[in-house]
């Protein structure tokens, strides 16, 4: 009976050692997995931050572009208005036969011989 009990105890001790080895191996694998997950989280956080910054830069660039389009449109409208007032055709490449009018179409004051006058718009 003692022999059988000792045999069972030996098998139980061997099984306990094996379980401890498996638990140690499992803990080691879990630690490795946690380390890898931490590295991936850090990588993801870096990518997320860069993507967020890129989106913000894109939106800022888009706002600048939109503002530039509005400014260009306003300038084109102003140019058309001035062309109409001064009766200037800018579709030709050279303005060789342009002659200043005697009276400023903008302020209705006489224009001097030097094509200059003081006016307030």
Foldseek 3Di string as FASTA:
>chain_A
DVVVVVVVVVVVVVVVVVVVVVVVVVVVVVVVVVVVVVVVVVVVVVVVVVVVVVVVVVVVVVVVVVVVVVVVVVVVVVVVVQCVQQVDDVPDPDPPPDDGDQARSVARHGQDPVRDDDDDD
